């Protein structure tokens, strides 16, 4: 299952958002802001003004229509919107049954801990910001790839373009080896850091990287070499 892990903060977000907004093959799936009850309503939009959430569903438009149910019924016109038939485990994103047309973006731009007011008033809080010191969590692009069968070539081409763009705009942090259990072959991945986030990491800000220790890799990456 392909993924790209990266660190970004509020300043870096502008670079990422501008690129995604300019990608005509990509649309954002957003919830109807006027809705107050379930089932939820969603629609596809070409651009958004700013990142306001931690989870996004991106639709790779050339891959084809998005599924409405597990029986193969598709959403006839995502641009006009639709009402979901089945909610996903995460209320912040619709459920698409592992469709290769969906790319997930998990985005953690904040590093400041919650204020006292936020601790008292926010209905949903992340453990990342429950402490009292700065912490920069890792963000991710995730895609089903070939996990449920051969993914369309045009989606692979876009994913490769994303990886190239990441390498041109972010600093590589380390090289790690693992094994793709489905493909039964070794694979290599890296963490990436956009410029502002990289400066924070280089200056010693605490981070969350799914258990990986990156101090040596961050030190070796100083200078911005990709």
C-alpha atoms as a PDB file:
ATOM      1  CA  UNK A   1       0.000   0.000   0.000  1.00  0.00           C
ATOM      2  CA  UNK A   2       1.890   3.111  -1.177  1.00  0.00           C
ATOM      3  CA  UNK A   3       2.421   5.971   1.255  1.00  0.00           C
ATOM      4  CA  UNK A   4       4.482   9.134   1.530  1.00  0.00           C
ATOM      5  CA  UNK A   5       5.308  10.363   5.034  1.00  0.00           C
ATOM      6  CA  UNK A   6       6.268  13.976   5.588  1.00  0.00           C
ATOM      7  CA  UNK A   7       6.492  16.753   8.154  1.00  0.00           C
ATOM      8  CA  UNK A   8       4.834  20.092   7.450  1.00  0.00           C
ATOM      9  CA  UNK A   9       3.662  23.049   9.508  1.00  0.00           C
ATOM     10  CA  UNK A  10       1.240  25.919   8.906  1.00  0.00           C
ATOM     11  CA  UNK A  11       3.768  27.806   6.792  1.00  0.00           C
ATOM     12  CA  UNK A  12       4.553  24.773   4.626  1.00  0.00           C
ATOM     13  CA  UNK A  13       0.844  24.156   4.136  1.00  0.00           C
ATOM     14  CA  UNK A  14       0.644  26.969   1.602  1.00  0.00           C
ATOM     15  CA  UNK A  15       3.093  25.187  -0.702  1.00  0.00           C
ATOM     16  CA  UNK A  16       1.206  21.904  -0.471  1.00  0.00           C
ATOM     17  CA  UNK A  17      -2.223  23.474  -0.881  1.00  0.00           C
ATOM     18  CA  UNK A  18      -1.189  25.562  -3.877  1.00  0.00           C
ATOM     19  CA  UNK A  19       0.143  22.475  -5.617  1.00  0.00           C
ATOM     20  CA  UNK A  20      -2.932  20.343  -4.927  1.00  0.00           C
ATOM     21  CA  UNK A  21      -5.250  23.161  -6.006  1.00  0.00           C
ATOM     22  CA  UNK A  22      -3.352  23.428  -9.292  1.00  0.00           C
ATOM     23  CA  UNK A  23      -3.554  19.666  -9.927  1.00  0.00           C
ATOM     24  CA  UNK A  24      -6.488  19.329 -12.339  1.00  0.00           C
ATOM     25  CA  UNK A  25      -6.524  15.547 -11.872  1.00  0.00           C
ATOM     26  CA  UNK A  26      -7.246  15.959  -8.149  1.00  0.00           C
ATOM     27  CA  UNK A  27     -10.432  17.055  -6.399  1.00  0.00           C
ATOM     28  CA  UNK A  28     -11.159  17.444  -2.691  1.00  0.00           C
ATOM     29  CA  UNK A  29     -14.123  15.622  -1.165  1.00  0.00           C
ATOM     30  CA  UNK A  30     -15.761  17.972   1.336  1.00  0.00           C
ATOM     31  CA  UNK A  31     -18.773  17.732   3.599  1.00  0.00           C
ATOM     32  CA  UNK A  32     -21.790  19.972   3.142  1.00  0.00           C
ATOM     33  CA  UNK A  33     -21.106  22.738   5.719  1.00  0.00           C
ATOM     34  CA  UNK A  34     -24.821  23.440   6.205  1.00  0.00           C
ATOM     35  CA  UNK A  35     -25.659  19.894   7.213  1.00  0.00           C
ATOM     36  CA  UNK A  36     -26.472  19.246  10.855  1.00  0.00           C
ATOM     37  CA  UNK A  37     -27.796  15.687  10.766  1.00  0.00           C
ATOM     38  CA  UNK A  38     -26.965  12.243   9.373  1.00  0.00           C
ATOM     39  CA  UNK A  39     -26.627  10.670   6.859  1.00  0.00           C
ATOM     40  CA  UNK A  40     -23.873  13.009   5.758  1.00  0.00           C
ATOM     41  CA  UNK A  41     -23.688  14.755   2.421  1.00  0.00           C
ATOM     42  CA  UNK A  42     -20.463  15.142   0.436  1.00  0.00           C
ATOM     43  CA  UNK A  43     -19.336  16.734  -2.807  1.00  0.00           C
ATOM     44  CA  UNK A  44     -16.222  17.083  -4.922  1.00  0.00           C
ATOM     45  CA  UNK A  45     -14.611  20.503  -5.336  1.00  0.00           C
ATOM     46  CA  UNK A  46     -11.601  21.422  -7.456  1.00  0.00           C
ATOM     47  CA  UNK A  47      -9.977  23.668  -4.842  1.00  0.00           C
ATOM     48  CA  UNK A  48     -10.238  24.666  -1.189  1.00  0.00           C
ATOM     49  CA  UNK A  49      -9.170  27.935   0.418  1.00  0.00           C
ATOM     50  CA  UNK A  50      -7.211  26.441   3.295  1.00  0.00           C
ATOM     51  CA  UNK A  51      -6.599  23.261   5.233  1.00  0.00           C
ATOM     52  CA  UNK A  52      -8.977  23.117   8.189  1.00  0.00           C
ATOM     53  CA  UNK A  53      -8.921  19.413   9.093  1.00  0.00           C
ATOM     54  CA  UNK A  54      -6.537  16.534   9.727  1.00  0.00           C
ATOM     55  CA  UNK A  55      -8.115  14.064   7.288  1.00  0.00           C
ATOM     56  CA  UNK A  56      -8.897  14.581   3.597  1.00  0.00           C
ATOM     57  CA  UNK A  57     -10.167  12.346   0.830  1.00  0.00           C
ATOM     58  CA  UNK A  58      -8.738  13.269  -2.560  1.00  0.00           C
ATOM     59  CA  UNK A  59     -10.393  12.016  -5.738  1.00  0.00           C
ATOM     60  CA  UNK A  60      -8.120  11.184  -8.654  1.00  0.00           C
ATOM     61  CA  UNK A  61     -10.652  12.137 -11.311  1.00  0.00           C
ATOM     62  CA  UNK A  62      -9.167  10.238 -14.328  1.00  0.00           C
ATOM     63  CA  UNK A  63      -9.355   6.948 -12.395  1.00  0.00           C
ATOM     64  CA  UNK A  64     -13.138   7.025 -12.649  1.00  0.00           C
ATOM     65  CA  UNK A  65     -16.256   7.468 -10.571  1.00  0.00           C
ATOM     66  CA  UNK A  66     -16.290   6.805  -6.848  1.00  0.00           C
ATOM     67  CA  UNK A  67     -18.287   3.882  -5.405  1.00  0.00           C
ATOM     68  CA  UNK A  68     -21.504   4.588  -3.516  1.00  0.00           C
ATOM     69  CA  UNK A  69     -21.891   1.071  -2.119  1.00  0.00           C
ATOM     70  CA  UNK A  70     -20.156  -2.285  -1.978  1.00  0.00           C
ATOM     71  CA  UNK A  71     -22.307  -3.689  -4.799  1.00  0.00           C
ATOM     72  CA  UNK A  72     -20.697  -1.516  -7.455  1.00  0.00           C
ATOM     73  CA  UNK A  73     -23.133   1.384  -7.650  1.00  0.00           C
ATOM     74  CA  UNK A  74     -21.190   4.580  -8.357  1.00  0.00           C
ATOM     75  CA  UNK A  75     -21.786   8.222  -7.540  1.00  0.00           C
ATOM     76  CA  UNK A  76     -23.183   9.599 -10.777  1.00  0.00           C
ATOM     77  CA  UNK A  77     -21.834  13.133 -10.392  1.00  0.00           C
ATOM     78  CA  UNK A  78     -19.544  13.789  -7.399  1.00  0.00           C
ATOM     79  CA  UNK A  79     -19.410  17.498  -8.356  1.00  0.00           C
ATOM     80  CA  UNK A  80     -23.150  17.805  -7.647  1.00  0.00           C
ATOM     81  CA  UNK A  81     -22.838  15.992  -4.347  1.00  0.00           C
ATOM     82  CA  UNK A  82     -24.363  12.857  -2.831  1.00  0.00           C
ATOM     83  CA  UNK A  83     -25.714  11.434   0.409  1.00  0.00           C
ATOM     84  CA  UNK A  84     -23.685   8.584   1.853  1.00  0.00           C
ATOM     85  CA  UNK A  85     -25.289   5.169   2.247  1.00  0.00           C
ATOM     86  CA  UNK A  86     -22.730   3.872   4.720  1.00  0.00           C
ATOM     87  CA  UNK A  87     -20.616   5.960   7.095  1.00  0.00           C
ATOM     88  CA  UNK A  88     -16.940   5.201   7.483  1.00  0.00           C
ATOM     89  CA  UNK A  89     -15.143   4.600  10.752  1.00  0.00           C
ATOM     90  CA  UNK A  90     -13.727   8.124  10.499  1.00  0.00           C
ATOM     91  CA  UNK A  91     -16.473  10.748  10.416  1.00  0.00           C
ATOM     92  CA  UNK A  92     -14.098  13.247   8.810  1.00  0.00           C
ATOM     93  CA  UNK A  93     -14.028  11.388   5.484  1.00  0.00           C
ATOM     94  CA  UNK A  94     -16.443   9.304   3.371  1.00  0.00           C
ATOM     95  CA  UNK A  95     -16.055   5.564   2.883  1.00  0.00           C
ATOM     96  CA  UNK A  96     -15.103   4.350  -0.612  1.00  0.00           C
ATOM     97  CA  UNK A  97     -14.511   0.592  -0.124  1.00  0.00           C
ATOM     98  CA  UNK A  98     -10.817   0.756  -0.971  1.00  0.00           C
ATOM     99  CA  UNK A  99     -11.341   2.404  -4.358  1.00  0.00           C
ATOM    100  CA  UNK A 100      -8.081   3.214  -6.210  1.00  0.00           C
ATOM    101  CA  UNK A 101      -9.696   6.532  -7.185  1.00  0.00           C
ATOM    102  CA  UNK A 102      -9.320   7.775  -3.588  1.00  0.00           C
ATOM    103  CA  UNK A 103      -6.068   9.063  -2.091  1.00  0.00           C
ATOM    104  CA  UNK A 104      -6.046   9.851   1.609  1.00  0.00           C
ATOM    105  CA  UNK A 105      -4.220  12.802   3.103  1.00  0.00           C
ATOM    106  CA  UNK A 106      -3.577  12.766   6.846  1.00  0.00           C
ATOM    107  CA  UNK A 107      -2.322  16.216   7.705  1.00  0.00           C
ATOM    108  CA  UNK A 108      -0.886  17.393  11.025  1.00  0.00           C
ATOM    109  CA  UNK A 109       0.252  21.004  10.705  1.00  0.00           C
ATOM    110  CA  UNK A 110      -0.005  22.110  14.308  1.00  0.00           C
ATOM    111  CA  UNK A 111       2.820  21.747  16.806  1.00  0.00           C
ATOM    112  CA  UNK A 112       1.659  23.899  19.725  1.00  0.00           C
ATOM    113  CA  UNK A 113      -0.026  22.176  22.692  1.00  0.00           C
ATOM    114  CA  UNK A 114      -3.645  22.978  23.420  1.00  0.00           C
ATOM    115  CA  UNK A 115      -4.338  26.156  25.347  1.00  0.00           C
ATOM    116  CA  UNK A 116      -6.316  25.942  28.581  1.00  0.00           C
ATOM    117  CA  UNK A 117      -9.359  27.254  26.738  1.00  0.00           C
ATOM    118  CA  UNK A 118      -9.044  24.593  24.043  1.00  0.00           C
ATOM    119  CA  UNK A 119      -8.647  21.854  26.622  1.00  0.00           C
ATOM    120  CA  UNK A 120     -11.893  22.977  28.221  1.00  0.00           C
ATOM    121  CA  UNK A 121     -13.959  23.545  25.072  1.00  0.00           C
ATOM    122  CA  UNK A 122     -12.801  21.337  22.183  1.00  0.00           C
ATOM    123  CA  UNK A 123     -15.078  18.347  21.724  1.00  0.00           C
ATOM    124  CA  UNK A 124     -12.474  16.382  19.772  1.00  0.00           C
ATOM    125  CA  UNK A 125      -8.875  16.524  20.914  1.00  0.00           C
ATOM    126  CA  UNK A 126      -5.722  14.796  19.712  1.00  0.00           C
ATOM    127  CA  UNK A 127      -3.254  13.212  22.097  1.00  0.00           C
ATOM    128  CA  UNK A 128      -0.492  14.875  20.060  1.00  0.00           C
ATOM    129  CA  UNK A 129      -1.323  18.224  21.646  1.00  0.00           C
ATOM    130  CA  UNK A 130      -2.398  17.086  25.099  1.00  0.00           C
ATOM    131  CA  UNK A 131       1.036  17.706  26.601  1.00  0.00           C
ATOM    132  CA  UNK A 132       2.679  21.015  27.425  1.00  0.00           C
ATOM    133  CA  UNK A 133       5.540  21.141  24.912  1.00  0.00           C
ATOM    134  CA  UNK A 134       5.690  21.546  21.155  1.00  0.00           C
ATOM    135  CA  UNK A 135       5.326  18.357  19.122  1.00  0.00           C
ATOM    136  CA  UNK A 136       5.304  17.983  15.325  1.00  0.00           C
ATOM    137  CA  UNK A 137       3.497  14.803  14.154  1.00  0.00           C
ATOM    138  CA  UNK A 138       4.205  13.163  10.821  1.00  0.00           C
ATOM    139  CA  UNK A 139       1.676  13.551   7.986  1.00  0.00           C
ATOM    140  CA  UNK A 140       0.924  11.034   5.233  1.00  0.00           C
ATOM    141  CA  UNK A 141      -0.388  10.538   1.744  1.00  0.00           C
ATOM    142  CA  UNK A 142      -1.849   7.028   1.544  1.00  0.00           C
ATOM    143  CA  UNK A 143      -3.251   5.089  -1.418  1.00  0.00           C
ATOM    144  CA  UNK A 144      -4.570   1.561  -1.872  1.00  0.00           C
ATOM    145  CA  UNK A 145      -2.352   0.973  -4.903  1.00  0.00           C
ATOM    146  CA  UNK A 146      -2.493  -2.627  -6.137  1.00  0.00           C
ATOM    147  CA  UNK A 147      -3.710  -4.055  -2.819  1.00  0.00           C
ATOM    148  CA  UNK A 148      -7.164  -4.949  -4.187  1.00  0.00           C
ATOM    149  CA  UNK A 149      -6.031  -5.699  -7.736  1.00  0.00           C
ATOM    150  CA  UNK A 150      -4.079  -3.887 -10.406  1.00  0.00           C
ATOM    151  CA  UNK A 151      -4.587  -0.143 -10.051  1.00  0.00           C
ATOM    152  CA  UNK A 152      -5.043   1.980 -13.192  1.00  0.00           C
ATOM    153  CA  UNK A 153      -1.834   3.121 -14.858  1.00  0.00           C
ATOM    154  CA  UNK A 154      -2.932   6.755 -14.839  1.00  0.00           C
ATOM    155  CA  UNK A 155      -3.295   6.694 -11.044  1.00  0.00           C
ATOM    156  CA  UNK A 156       0.192   5.230 -10.688  1.00  0.00           C
ATOM    157  CA  UNK A 157       1.498   7.998 -12.943  1.00  0.00           C
ATOM    158  CA  UNK A 158      -0.067  10.647 -10.706  1.00  0.00           C
ATOM    159  CA  UNK A 159       1.334   8.974  -7.578  1.00  0.00           C
ATOM    160  CA  UNK A 160       4.801   9.005  -9.151  1.00  0.00           C
ATOM    161  CA  UNK A 161       4.361  12.689 -10.008  1.00  0.00           C
ATOM    162  CA  UNK A 162       3.470  13.332  -6.369  1.00  0.00           C
ATOM    163  CA  UNK A 163       6.645  11.537  -5.264  1.00  0.00           C
ATOM    164  CA  UNK A 164       8.771  13.579  -7.682  1.00  0.00           C
ATOM    165  CA  UNK A 165       7.175  16.821  -6.526  1.00  0.00           C
ATOM    166  CA  UNK A 166       7.821  15.845  -2.895  1.00  0.00           C
ATOM    167  CA  UNK A 167      11.495  15.201  -3.654  1.00  0.00           C
ATOM    168  CA  UNK A 168      11.785  18.616  -5.301  1.00  0.00           C
ATOM    169  CA  UNK A 169      10.124  20.572  -2.487  1.00  0.00           C
ATOM    170  CA  UNK A 170      11.047  18.743   0.712  1.00  0.00           C
ATOM    171  CA  UNK A 171      14.170  17.407   2.424  1.00  0.00           C
ATOM    172  CA  UNK A 172      14.665  13.643   2.594  1.00  0.00           C
ATOM    173  CA  UNK A 173      15.111  12.355   6.131  1.00  0.00           C
ATOM    174  CA  UNK A 174      16.712   8.925   6.186  1.00  0.00           C
ATOM    175  CA  UNK A 175      16.230   5.779   4.126  1.00  0.00           C
ATOM    176  CA  UNK A 176      14.431   2.841   5.725  1.00  0.00           C
ATOM    177  CA  UNK A 177      14.060  -0.745   4.567  1.00  0.00           C
ATOM    178  CA  UNK A 178      10.992  -2.911   4.922  1.00  0.00           C
ATOM    179  CA  UNK A 179       9.194  -5.707   3.131  1.00  0.00           C
ATOM    180  CA  UNK A 180       6.042  -5.499   1.065  1.00  0.00           C
ATOM    181  CA  UNK A 181       4.249  -8.627   2.328  1.00  0.00           C
ATOM    182  CA  UNK A 182       1.797  -8.735  -0.567  1.00  0.00           C
ATOM    183  CA  UNK A 183       4.415  -8.317  -3.270  1.00  0.00           C
ATOM    184  CA  UNK A 184       6.997 -10.322  -1.269  1.00  0.00           C
ATOM    185  CA  UNK A 185       9.782  -7.937  -2.068  1.00  0.00           C
ATOM    186  CA  UNK A 186      11.841  -5.394  -0.123  1.00  0.00           C
ATOM    187  CA  UNK A 187      10.942  -1.744  -0.358  1.00  0.00           C
ATOM    188  CA  UNK A 188      12.583   1.490   0.690  1.00  0.00           C
ATOM    189  CA  UNK A 189      10.944   4.586   2.047  1.00  0.00           C
ATOM    190  CA  UNK A 190      11.956   7.895   3.580  1.00  0.00           C
ATOM    191  CA  UNK A 191      10.436  10.577   5.705  1.00  0.00           C
ATOM    192  CA  UNK A 192      10.332  14.022   4.126  1.00  0.00           C
ATOM    193  CA  UNK A 193      10.193  17.475   5.683  1.00  0.00           C
ATOM    194  CA  UNK A 194       9.101  20.707   4.066  1.00  0.00           C
ATOM    195  CA  UNK A 195      11.414  23.687   4.739  1.00  0.00           C
ATOM    196  CA  UNK A 196       9.745  25.290   7.757  1.00  0.00           C
ATOM    197  CA  UNK A 197       9.066  21.947   9.435  1.00  0.00           C
ATOM    198  CA  UNK A 198      12.617  20.810   8.709  1.00  0.00           C
ATOM    199  CA  UNK A 199      13.995  23.907  10.432  1.00  0.00           C
ATOM    200  CA  UNK A 200      11.923  23.066  13.511  1.00  0.00           C
ATOM    201  CA  UNK A 201      13.158  19.469  13.523  1.00  0.00           C
ATOM    202  CA  UNK A 202      16.752  20.547  12.969  1.00  0.00           C
ATOM    203  CA  UNK A 203      16.452  22.929  15.925  1.00  0.00           C
ATOM    204  CA  UNK A 204      15.366  20.092  18.200  1.00  0.00           C
ATOM    205  CA  UNK A 205      11.563  20.191  18.224  1.00  0.00           C
ATOM    206  CA  UNK A 206      10.004  16.966  19.448  1.00  0.00           C
ATOM    207  CA  UNK A 207       8.211  14.901  16.797  1.00  0.00           C
ATOM    208  CA  UNK A 208       6.045  11.846  16.326  1.00  0.00           C
ATOM    209  CA  UNK A 209       7.132   9.444  13.550  1.00  0.00           C
ATOM    210  CA  UNK A 210       5.254   6.206  14.338  1.00  0.00           C
ATOM    211  CA  UNK A 211       8.022   4.974  16.614  1.00  0.00           C
ATOM    212  CA  UNK A 212      10.963   5.765  14.337  1.00  0.00           C
ATOM    213  CA  UNK A 213      13.933   7.575  15.855  1.00  0.00           C
ATOM    214  CA  UNK A 214      15.029  10.229  13.375  1.00  0.00           C
ATOM    215  CA  UNK A 215      17.595  12.311  15.249  1.00  0.00           C
ATOM    216  CA  UNK A 216      20.589  10.950  13.311  1.00  0.00           C
ATOM    217  CA  UNK A 217      18.754  11.158   9.988  1.00  0.00           C
ATOM    218  CA  UNK A 218      17.709  14.748  10.693  1.00  0.00           C
ATOM    219  CA  UNK A 219      21.296  15.676  11.534  1.00  0.00           C
ATOM    220  CA  UNK A 220      22.598  14.008   8.383  1.00  0.00           C
ATOM    221  CA  UNK A 221      19.961  15.791   6.269  1.00  0.00           C
ATOM    222  CA  UNK A 222      21.071  19.274   7.383  1.00  0.00           C
ATOM    223  CA  UNK A 223      21.799  21.357   4.331  1.00  0.00           C
ATOM    224  CA  UNK A 224      18.703  20.332   2.424  1.00  0.00           C
ATOM    225  CA  UNK A 225      20.186  17.491   0.389  1.00  0.00           C
ATOM    226  CA  UNK A 226      17.461  15.303  -1.137  1.00  0.00           C
END
